[in-house]
Each structure stands twice: as C-alpha cells, then as structure tokens.
Amino acid sequence: MRSTIGLIFVVVGLGVVLYGGGMAVRELVGFYKSTVDRPMEDVEGGTQGVSDRMLRGAMIGGVGAVPFVIGTFILKGEAVRRIRRAMGAGKLGR
C-alpha cells in the first residue's frame, strides 16, 4: 500500500516538475529566439514580463518537487523495510 502511495507521489511530482520546467524553458527559448530574430527591437511583453513568466514556471516546478521528494522517501523506506524483513526471516541466507 505504501509503495503505491509513494509511486503516485513520485509520478505526480515528476509531472508537475516537468511541466513547470517546460514552461520556464519555453519562455527562455522564446526570449532568445525573438532577440536573435529582431536584435534591435524590444522583446514582446518586455524583459520583465518574460522573467516573471519564467519565474512562475520555476515556482510551479518547485511545488512539484515536494511530492516527488516525499514519494522518493516513502519508496526508499519501503525498500529498507523489505530488506530488513527478508534478513530477519533468513531469506537472504547467512
């Protein structure tokens, strides 16, 4: 049961991290593309607007890191419990 919950946390957290990171990288790529295409013109939305949108994407990714880390700890804890249980039952042989 705990393994399932941990796996759900990891998958959801990773999805949110990738979504937020993708948003930030997309803004960065768009900023550089518009700067290279039209070097003498202002960036659409201004540089402050671009940095605000990049920061928003990074913050979304940071929020997703929390369930990802929690799920990772749950999965590692379950692995340690299974190993201890197997050693206690003599299944790993001594």
N, C-alpha and C. Protein backbone atom coordinates (compact mmCIF):
# COMPACT_ATOMS: atom_id res chain seq x y z
N MET A 1 0.82 -1.19 0.00
CA MET A 1 0.00 0.00 0.00
C MET A 1 0.87 1.26 0.00
N ARG A 2 1.88 1.28 0.88
CA ARG A 2 2.75 2.46 0.94
C ARG A 2 3.53 2.63 -0.35
N SER A 3 3.90 1.51 -0.95
CA SER A 3 4.64 1.60 -2.21
C SER A 3 3.79 2.27 -3.29
N THR A 4 2.52 1.94 -3.32
CA THR A 4 1.61 2.54 -4.30
C THR A 4 1.48 4.04 -4.06
N ILE A 5 1.31 4.42 -2.81
CA ILE A 5 1.20 5.85 -2.48
C ILE A 5 2.49 6.58 -2.84
N GLY A 6 3.63 5.97 -2.50
CA GLY A 6 4.91 6.57 -2.84
C GLY A 6 5.09 6.74 -4.33
N LEU A 7 4.69 5.72 -5.08
CA LEU A 7 4.80 5.79 -6.54
C LEU A 7 3.90 6.87 -7.12
N ILE A 8 2.71 7.02 -6.57
CA ILE A 8 1.79 8.07 -7.03
C ILE A 8 2.40 9.44 -6.77
N PHE A 9 2.97 9.64 -5.56
CA PHE A 9 3.62 10.90 -5.25
C PHE A 9 4.76 11.20 -6.21
N VAL A 10 5.57 10.19 -6.50
CA VAL A 10 6.71 10.39 -7.41
C VAL A 10 6.23 10.77 -8.80
N VAL A 11 5.24 10.05 -9.31
CA VAL A 11 4.76 10.30 -10.68
C VAL A 11 4.11 11.68 -10.79
N VAL A 12 3.25 12.02 -9.82
CA VAL A 12 2.58 13.32 -9.86
C VAL A 12 3.60 14.45 -9.69
N GLY A 13 4.50 14.29 -8.73
CA GLY A 13 5.53 15.31 -8.50
C GLY A 13 6.41 15.51 -9.72
N LEU A 14 6.83 14.40 -10.33
CA LEU A 14 7.68 14.50 -11.52
C LEU A 14 6.93 15.17 -12.67
N GLY A 15 5.65 14.87 -12.81
CA GLY A 15 4.86 15.52 -13.86
C GLY A 15 4.78 17.03 -13.67
N VAL A 16 4.56 17.45 -12.44
CA VAL A 16 4.46 18.89 -12.16
C VAL A 16 5.82 19.56 -12.35
N VAL A 17 6.90 18.89 -11.93
CA VAL A 17 8.24 19.45 -12.11
C VAL A 17 8.55 19.62 -13.60
N LEU A 18 8.24 18.60 -14.39
CA LEU A 18 8.50 18.69 -15.83
C LEU A 18 7.64 19.76 -16.50
N TYR A 19 6.39 19.89 -16.06
CA TYR A 19 5.51 20.91 -16.63
C TYR A 19 6.04 22.31 -16.31
N GLY A 20 6.37 22.55 -15.05
CA GLY A 20 6.89 23.87 -14.66
C GLY A 20 8.22 24.18 -15.32
N GLY A 21 9.10 23.18 -15.36
CA GLY A 21 10.38 23.39 -16.03
C GLY A 21 10.22 23.65 -17.51
N GLY A 22 9.27 22.95 -18.12
CA GLY A 22 8.99 23.17 -19.54
C GLY A 22 8.48 24.57 -19.81
N MET A 23 7.64 25.08 -18.91
CA MET A 23 7.15 26.45 -19.06
C MET A 23 8.30 27.45 -19.00
N ALA A 24 9.19 27.26 -18.04
CA ALA A 24 10.32 28.18 -17.88
C ALA A 24 11.26 28.12 -19.08
N VAL A 25 11.56 26.92 -19.53
CA VAL A 25 12.47 26.78 -20.67
C VAL A 25 11.84 27.32 -21.95
N ARG A 26 10.53 27.12 -22.10
CA ARG A 26 9.84 27.65 -23.28
C ARG A 26 9.94 29.18 -23.33
N GLU A 27 9.77 29.83 -22.18
CA GLU A 27 9.90 31.29 -22.13
C GLU A 27 11.32 31.72 -22.47
N LEU A 28 12.30 30.99 -21.95
CA LEU A 28 13.69 31.32 -22.23
C LEU A 28 14.01 31.17 -23.71
N VAL A 29 13.56 30.07 -24.31
CA VAL A 29 13.80 29.84 -25.73
C VAL A 29 13.10 30.91 -26.57
N GLY A 30 11.88 31.25 -26.21
CA GLY A 30 11.15 32.30 -26.94
C GLY A 30 11.84 33.65 -26.83
N PHE A 31 12.37 33.95 -25.64
CA PHE A 31 13.10 35.20 -25.44
C PHE A 31 14.33 35.28 -26.34
N TYR A 32 15.13 34.22 -26.34
CA TYR A 32 16.33 34.23 -27.17
C TYR A 32 16.00 34.19 -28.65
N LYS A 33 14.95 33.47 -29.02
CA LYS A 33 14.58 33.42 -30.44
C LYS A 33 14.15 34.80 -30.93
N SER A 34 13.35 35.51 -30.14
CA SER A 34 12.92 36.84 -30.57
C SER A 34 14.08 37.82 -30.56
N THR A 35 15.03 37.64 -29.65
CA THR A 35 16.20 38.52 -29.61
C THR A 35 17.11 38.28 -30.82
N VAL A 36 17.26 37.02 -31.21
CA VAL A 36 18.10 36.72 -32.38
C VAL A 36 17.42 37.14 -33.66
N ASP A 37 16.11 36.93 -33.76
CA ASP A 37 15.37 37.29 -34.97
C ASP A 37 15.31 38.80 -35.18
N ARG A 38 15.10 39.54 -34.11
CA ARG A 38 14.97 41.00 -34.18
C ARG A 38 15.82 41.64 -33.09
N PRO A 39 17.12 41.73 -33.30
CA PRO A 39 18.02 42.19 -32.22
C PRO A 39 17.82 43.64 -31.81
N MET A 40 17.31 44.48 -32.66
CA MET A 40 17.19 45.90 -32.34
C MET A 40 15.81 46.28 -31.79
N GLU A 41 14.88 45.34 -31.78
CA GLU A 41 13.54 45.63 -31.31
C GLU A 41 13.38 45.17 -29.87
N ASP A 42 12.40 45.75 -29.19
CA ASP A 42 12.11 45.32 -27.83
C ASP A 42 11.47 43.93 -27.84
N VAL A 43 11.68 43.21 -26.76
CA VAL A 43 11.08 41.89 -26.63
C VAL A 43 9.59 42.06 -26.37
N GLU A 44 8.80 41.20 -26.99
CA GLU A 44 7.35 41.26 -26.82
C GLU A 44 7.00 41.00 -25.36
N GLY A 45 6.33 41.93 -24.73
CA GLY A 45 5.98 41.79 -23.32
C GLY A 45 7.05 42.35 -22.40
N GLY A 46 8.19 42.75 -22.94
CA GLY A 46 9.26 43.29 -22.13
C GLY A 46 10.04 42.20 -21.41
N THR A 47 11.26 42.53 -21.05
CA THR A 47 12.09 41.55 -20.36
C THR A 47 11.54 41.22 -18.98
N GLN A 48 10.89 42.18 -18.34
CA GLN A 48 10.31 41.91 -17.02
C GLN A 48 9.17 40.91 -17.14
N GLY A 49 8.37 41.02 -18.20
CA GLY A 49 7.29 40.06 -18.41
C GLY A 49 7.81 38.66 -18.66
N VAL A 50 8.90 38.56 -19.43
CA VAL A 50 9.49 37.26 -19.71
C VAL A 50 10.04 36.65 -18.43
N SER A 51 10.74 37.45 -17.63
CA SER A 51 11.32 36.90 -16.41
C SER A 51 10.23 36.51 -15.41
N ASP A 52 9.13 37.26 -15.38
CA ASP A 52 8.02 36.90 -14.50
C ASP A 52 7.41 35.56 -14.89
N ARG A 53 7.23 35.34 -16.20
CA ARG A 53 6.67 34.08 -16.66
C ARG A 53 7.64 32.93 -16.43
N MET A 54 8.93 33.18 -16.58
CA MET A 54 9.93 32.14 -16.30
C MET A 54 9.91 31.79 -14.82
N LEU A 55 9.84 32.80 -13.97
CA LEU A 55 9.80 32.57 -12.53
C LEU A 55 8.55 31.80 -12.13
N ARG A 56 7.43 32.10 -12.75
CA ARG A 56 6.18 31.38 -12.46
C ARG A 56 6.35 29.90 -12.81
N GLY A 57 6.95 29.62 -13.96
CA GLY A 57 7.18 28.21 -14.33
C GLY A 57 8.12 27.52 -13.37
N ALA A 58 9.17 28.22 -12.94
CA ALA A 58 10.11 27.63 -11.98
C ALA A 58 9.44 27.38 -10.63
N MET A 59 8.55 28.27 -10.22
CA MET A 59 7.85 28.08 -8.95
C MET A 59 6.89 26.89 -9.03
N ILE A 60 6.24 26.72 -10.15
CA ILE A 60 5.37 25.55 -10.33
C ILE A 60 6.19 24.27 -10.24
N GLY A 61 7.35 24.27 -10.88
CA GLY A 61 8.24 23.12 -10.79
C GLY A 61 8.71 22.86 -9.37
N GLY A 62 8.97 23.93 -8.62
CA GLY A 62 9.39 23.78 -7.23
C GLY A 62 8.30 23.18 -6.36
N VAL A 63 7.05 23.53 -6.64
CA VAL A 63 5.93 22.95 -5.90
C VAL A 63 5.85 21.45 -6.18
N GLY A 64 6.13 21.05 -7.40
CA GLY A 64 6.10 19.63 -7.75
C GLY A 64 7.24 18.84 -7.13
N ALA A 65 8.31 19.53 -6.76
CA ALA A 65 9.45 18.83 -6.15
C ALA A 65 9.09 18.27 -4.78
N VAL A 66 8.17 18.92 -4.08
CA VAL A 66 7.79 18.46 -2.73
C VAL A 66 7.18 17.06 -2.76
N PRO A 67 6.11 16.81 -3.53
CA PRO A 67 5.58 15.43 -3.55
C PRO A 67 6.57 14.43 -4.15
N PHE A 68 7.41 14.88 -5.07
CA PHE A 68 8.41 13.98 -5.64
C PHE A 68 9.38 13.49 -4.58
N VAL A 69 9.87 14.40 -3.75
CA VAL A 69 10.81 14.03 -2.69
C VAL A 69 10.12 13.16 -1.64
N ILE A 70 8.90 13.51 -1.27
CA ILE A 70 8.16 12.71 -0.29
C ILE A 70 7.95 11.29 -0.82
N GLY A 71 7.55 11.17 -2.06
CA GLY A 71 7.36 9.85 -2.66
C GLY A 71 8.65 9.05 -2.73
N THR A 72 9.76 9.72 -3.00
CA THR A 72 11.05 9.05 -3.04
C THR A 72 11.40 8.50 -1.66
N PHE A 73 11.18 9.29 -0.62
CA PHE A 73 11.47 8.82 0.74
C PHE A 73 10.57 7.63 1.12
N ILE A 74 9.31 7.69 0.73
CA ILE A 74 8.40 6.59 1.04
C ILE A 74 8.88 5.31 0.35
N LEU A 75 9.24 5.41 -0.92
CA LEU A 75 9.71 4.22 -1.65
C LEU A 75 11.00 3.66 -1.08
N LYS A 76 11.93 4.55 -0.70
CA LYS A 76 13.19 4.07 -0.11
C LYS A 76 12.94 3.42 1.25
N GLY A 77 12.04 4.00 2.03
CA GLY A 77 11.69 3.41 3.32
C GLY A 77 11.08 2.03 3.17
N GLU A 78 10.22 1.85 2.18
CA GLU A 78 9.63 0.55 1.92
C GLU A 78 10.68 -0.46 1.48
N ALA A 79 11.63 -0.03 0.68
CA ALA A 79 12.70 -0.94 0.24
C ALA A 79 13.53 -1.39 1.44
N VAL A 80 13.85 -0.46 2.33
CA VAL A 80 14.64 -0.82 3.52
C VAL A 80 13.84 -1.78 4.40
N ARG A 81 12.54 -1.54 4.58
CA ARG A 81 11.71 -2.44 5.39
C ARG A 81 11.67 -3.84 4.79
N ARG A 82 11.55 -3.93 3.49
CA ARG A 82 11.51 -5.25 2.84
C ARG A 82 12.83 -5.99 3.01
N ILE A 83 13.93 -5.26 2.90
CA ILE A 83 15.24 -5.90 3.07
C ILE A 83 15.40 -6.38 4.51
N ARG A 84 15.03 -5.56 5.48
CA ARG A 84 15.14 -5.96 6.89
C ARG A 84 14.25 -7.16 7.19
N ARG A 85 13.04 -7.14 6.63
CA ARG A 85 12.13 -8.26 6.85
C ARG A 85 12.70 -9.54 6.24
N ALA A 86 13.29 -9.43 5.07
CA ALA A 86 13.87 -10.61 4.41
C ALA A 86 15.08 -11.12 5.19
N MET A 87 15.88 -10.22 5.73
CA MET A 87 17.04 -10.65 6.51
C MET A 87 16.60 -11.29 7.83
N GLY A 88 15.58 -10.77 8.42
CA GLY A 88 15.06 -11.32 9.68
C GLY A 88 14.45 -12.69 9.50
N ALA A 89 13.87 -12.93 8.36
CA ALA A 89 13.24 -14.23 8.09
C ALA A 89 14.26 -15.25 7.59
N GLY A 90 15.48 -14.82 7.36
CA GLY A 90 16.52 -15.74 6.90
C GLY A 90 16.45 -16.05 5.42
N LYS A 91 15.73 -15.24 4.68
CA LYS A 91 15.58 -15.50 3.24
C LYS A 91 16.84 -15.16 2.45
N LEU A 92 17.65 -14.24 2.97
CA LEU A 92 18.86 -13.85 2.25
C LEU A 92 20.04 -14.74 2.60
N GLY A 93 19.89 -15.61 3.55
CA GLY A 93 20.94 -16.57 3.93
C GLY A 93 22.15 -15.91 4.54
N ARG A 94 22.67 -16.57 5.55
CA ARG A 94 23.86 -16.05 6.22
C ARG A 94 24.90 -17.12 6.27
